[in-house]
Amino acid sequence: MGPDDFDFQAEVLDGWASAAHEVGALSFADTTAWLTRRRGAVAAGLSSLSVGHVDFFAMPSATR
């Protein structure tokens, strides 16, 4: 996601901040400060996000 994807970046960042707060990874104040900084970068066109994942399939090699 590049600087032109303002709305999508904002939604992703909101979700990450909410999740971090819900699991207790950050205090409300720290979460708010982080989100404020990131929203500022998005608004200024200085933010990009790269989100990835890896799929894998594990199958037992033998039955018991």
N, C-alpha and C. Protein backbone atom coordinates (compact mmCIF):
# COMPACT_ATOMS: atom_id res chain seq x y z
N MET A 1 0.84 -1.16 0.00
CA MET A 1 0.00 0.00 0.00
C MET A 1 0.89 1.23 0.00
N GLY A 2 0.62 2.11 -0.89
CA GLY A 2 1.43 3.31 -0.99
C GLY A 2 0.73 4.53 -0.43
N PRO A 3 1.37 5.66 -0.57
CA PRO A 3 0.83 6.92 -0.03
C PRO A 3 -0.57 7.27 -0.55
N ASP A 4 -0.93 6.79 -1.73
CA ASP A 4 -2.25 7.10 -2.29
C ASP A 4 -3.36 6.26 -1.67
N ASP A 5 -2.99 5.25 -0.92
CA ASP A 5 -3.97 4.35 -0.29
C ASP A 5 -4.30 4.81 1.13
N PHE A 6 -4.59 6.09 1.26
CA PHE A 6 -4.81 6.70 2.58
C PHE A 6 -5.88 5.97 3.39
N ASP A 7 -7.06 5.78 2.82
CA ASP A 7 -8.17 5.18 3.56
C ASP A 7 -7.85 3.75 3.99
N PHE A 8 -7.27 2.98 3.09
CA PHE A 8 -6.96 1.59 3.41
C PHE A 8 -5.89 1.51 4.49
N GLN A 9 -4.85 2.34 4.39
CA GLN A 9 -3.82 2.36 5.43
C GLN A 9 -4.41 2.74 6.78
N ALA A 10 -5.29 3.72 6.78
CA ALA A 10 -5.90 4.16 8.04
C ALA A 10 -6.68 3.02 8.68
N GLU A 11 -7.41 2.25 7.89
CA GLU A 11 -8.18 1.12 8.43
C GLU A 11 -7.26 0.04 9.00
N VAL A 12 -6.18 -0.27 8.29
CA VAL A 12 -5.23 -1.28 8.76
C VAL A 12 -4.59 -0.82 10.07
N LEU A 13 -4.15 0.43 10.12
CA LEU A 13 -3.52 0.94 11.33
C LEU A 13 -4.48 0.96 12.51
N ASP A 14 -5.74 1.33 12.26
CA ASP A 14 -6.74 1.31 13.33
C ASP A 14 -6.92 -0.11 13.87
N GLY A 15 -6.96 -1.08 12.97
CA GLY A 15 -7.11 -2.47 13.39
C GLY A 15 -5.93 -2.95 14.20
N TRP A 16 -4.72 -2.62 13.76
CA TRP A 16 -3.52 -3.04 14.49
C TRP A 16 -3.49 -2.40 15.88
N ALA A 17 -3.82 -1.12 15.95
CA ALA A 17 -3.81 -0.42 17.25
C ALA A 17 -4.85 -1.04 18.19
N SER A 18 -6.02 -1.33 17.66
CA SER A 18 -7.07 -1.94 18.47
C SER A 18 -6.63 -3.31 18.99
N ALA A 19 -6.03 -4.11 18.13
CA ALA A 19 -5.57 -5.43 18.53
C ALA A 19 -4.47 -5.34 19.58
N ALA A 20 -3.53 -4.44 19.40
CA ALA A 20 -2.44 -4.28 20.38
C ALA A 20 -2.98 -3.88 21.73
N HIS A 21 -3.95 -3.01 21.74
CA HIS A 21 -4.55 -2.58 22.99
C HIS A 21 -5.35 -3.72 23.65
N GLU A 22 -6.12 -4.45 22.85
CA GLU A 22 -6.96 -5.53 23.37
C GLU A 22 -6.14 -6.64 24.03
N VAL A 23 -4.98 -6.97 23.47
CA VAL A 23 -4.17 -8.05 24.04
C VAL A 23 -3.23 -7.54 25.12
N GLY A 24 -3.26 -6.25 25.38
CA GLY A 24 -2.45 -5.68 26.45
C GLY A 24 -0.99 -5.46 26.07
N ALA A 25 -0.70 -5.46 24.77
CA ALA A 25 0.67 -5.26 24.32
C ALA A 25 1.15 -3.83 24.58
N LEU A 26 0.23 -2.88 24.53
CA LEU A 26 0.55 -1.48 24.75
C LEU A 26 -0.52 -0.84 25.63
N SER A 27 -0.12 0.16 26.37
CA SER A 27 -1.10 0.92 27.14
C SER A 27 -1.95 1.75 26.18
N PHE A 28 -3.07 2.24 26.67
CA PHE A 28 -3.92 3.09 25.84
C PHE A 28 -3.15 4.31 25.36
N ALA A 29 -2.37 4.93 26.26
CA ALA A 29 -1.60 6.13 25.90
C ALA A 29 -0.56 5.82 24.82
N ASP A 30 0.16 4.70 24.97
CA ASP A 30 1.16 4.32 23.97
C ASP A 30 0.51 4.00 22.63
N THR A 31 -0.62 3.30 22.68
CA THR A 31 -1.33 2.96 21.45
C THR A 31 -1.80 4.23 20.75
N THR A 32 -2.36 5.15 21.50
CA THR A 32 -2.84 6.41 20.93
C THR A 32 -1.69 7.22 20.34
N ALA A 33 -0.56 7.28 21.03
CA ALA A 33 0.60 8.03 20.53
C ALA A 33 1.11 7.42 19.23
N TRP A 34 1.22 6.08 19.19
CA TRP A 34 1.69 5.40 17.99
C TRP A 34 0.75 5.66 16.82
N LEU A 35 -0.56 5.50 17.09
CA LEU A 35 -1.54 5.68 16.03
C LEU A 35 -1.56 7.12 15.53
N THR A 36 -1.39 8.08 16.41
CA THR A 36 -1.34 9.48 16.01
C THR A 36 -0.15 9.75 15.10
N ARG A 37 1.02 9.21 15.47
CA ARG A 37 2.21 9.37 14.61
C ARG A 37 2.01 8.74 13.24
N ARG A 38 1.47 7.51 13.23
CA ARG A 38 1.27 6.82 11.95
C ARG A 38 0.22 7.52 11.09
N ARG A 39 -0.87 7.99 11.70
CA ARG A 39 -1.89 8.72 10.94
C ARG A 39 -1.31 10.00 10.34
N GLY A 40 -0.43 10.66 11.09
CA GLY A 40 0.23 11.86 10.58
C GLY A 40 1.08 11.55 9.37
N ALA A 41 1.80 10.44 9.41
CA ALA A 41 2.63 10.04 8.27
C ALA A 41 1.77 9.70 7.06
N VAL A 42 0.65 9.02 7.29
CA VAL A 42 -0.27 8.70 6.20
C VAL A 42 -0.82 9.98 5.58
N ALA A 43 -1.27 10.90 6.42
CA ALA A 43 -1.85 12.16 5.93
C ALA A 43 -0.83 12.98 5.15
N ALA A 44 0.43 12.89 5.52
CA ALA A 44 1.49 13.65 4.84
C ALA A 44 2.00 12.93 3.59
N GLY A 45 1.47 11.75 3.30
CA GLY A 45 1.92 10.99 2.13
C GLY A 45 3.27 10.34 2.34
N LEU A 46 3.66 10.12 3.60
CA LEU A 46 4.98 9.58 3.90
C LEU A 46 4.94 8.13 4.38
N SER A 47 3.80 7.49 4.23
CA SER A 47 3.65 6.14 4.76
C SER A 47 3.35 5.15 3.66
N SER A 48 3.90 3.97 3.82
CA SER A 48 3.52 2.84 2.98
C SER A 48 3.52 1.61 3.88
N LEU A 49 2.72 0.63 3.52
CA LEU A 49 2.61 -0.59 4.31
C LEU A 49 2.82 -1.79 3.40
N SER A 50 3.45 -2.78 3.95
CA SER A 50 3.60 -4.05 3.25
C SER A 50 3.17 -5.14 4.21
N VAL A 51 2.12 -5.84 3.85
CA VAL A 51 1.59 -6.90 4.70
C VAL A 51 1.70 -8.20 3.93
N GLY A 52 2.30 -9.19 4.54
CA GLY A 52 2.46 -10.47 3.86
C GLY A 52 2.12 -11.62 4.76
N HIS A 53 2.10 -12.77 4.17
CA HIS A 53 1.86 -13.99 4.92
C HIS A 53 2.45 -15.17 4.17
N VAL A 54 2.56 -16.27 4.84
CA VAL A 54 3.06 -17.50 4.23
C VAL A 54 2.03 -18.59 4.48
N ASP A 55 1.62 -19.26 3.43
CA ASP A 55 0.72 -20.40 3.56
C ASP A 55 1.56 -21.67 3.63
N PHE A 56 1.13 -22.59 4.46
CA PHE A 56 1.79 -23.90 4.47
C PHE A 56 0.78 -24.97 4.79
N PHE A 57 1.09 -26.16 4.34
CA PHE A 57 0.24 -27.31 4.60
C PHE A 57 1.11 -28.39 5.19
N ALA A 58 0.71 -28.90 6.33
CA ALA A 58 1.46 -29.97 6.99
C ALA A 58 0.60 -31.22 7.00
N MET A 59 1.16 -32.31 6.51
CA MET A 59 0.43 -33.57 6.46
C MET A 59 1.28 -34.65 7.14
N PRO A 60 0.71 -35.41 8.03
CA PRO A 60 1.50 -36.48 8.68
C PRO A 60 2.07 -37.44 7.63
N SER A 61 3.28 -37.89 7.87
CA SER A 61 3.92 -38.80 6.91
C SER A 61 3.48 -40.25 7.13
N ALA A 62 2.90 -40.53 8.27
CA ALA A 62 2.44 -41.90 8.54
C ALA A 62 1.25 -41.85 9.48
N THR A 63 0.45 -42.90 9.48
CA THR A 63 -0.68 -42.98 10.39
C THR A 63 -0.28 -43.76 11.64
N ARG A 64 -0.96 -43.54 12.71
CA ARG A 64 -0.65 -44.26 13.95
C ARG A 64 -1.53 -45.45 14.11
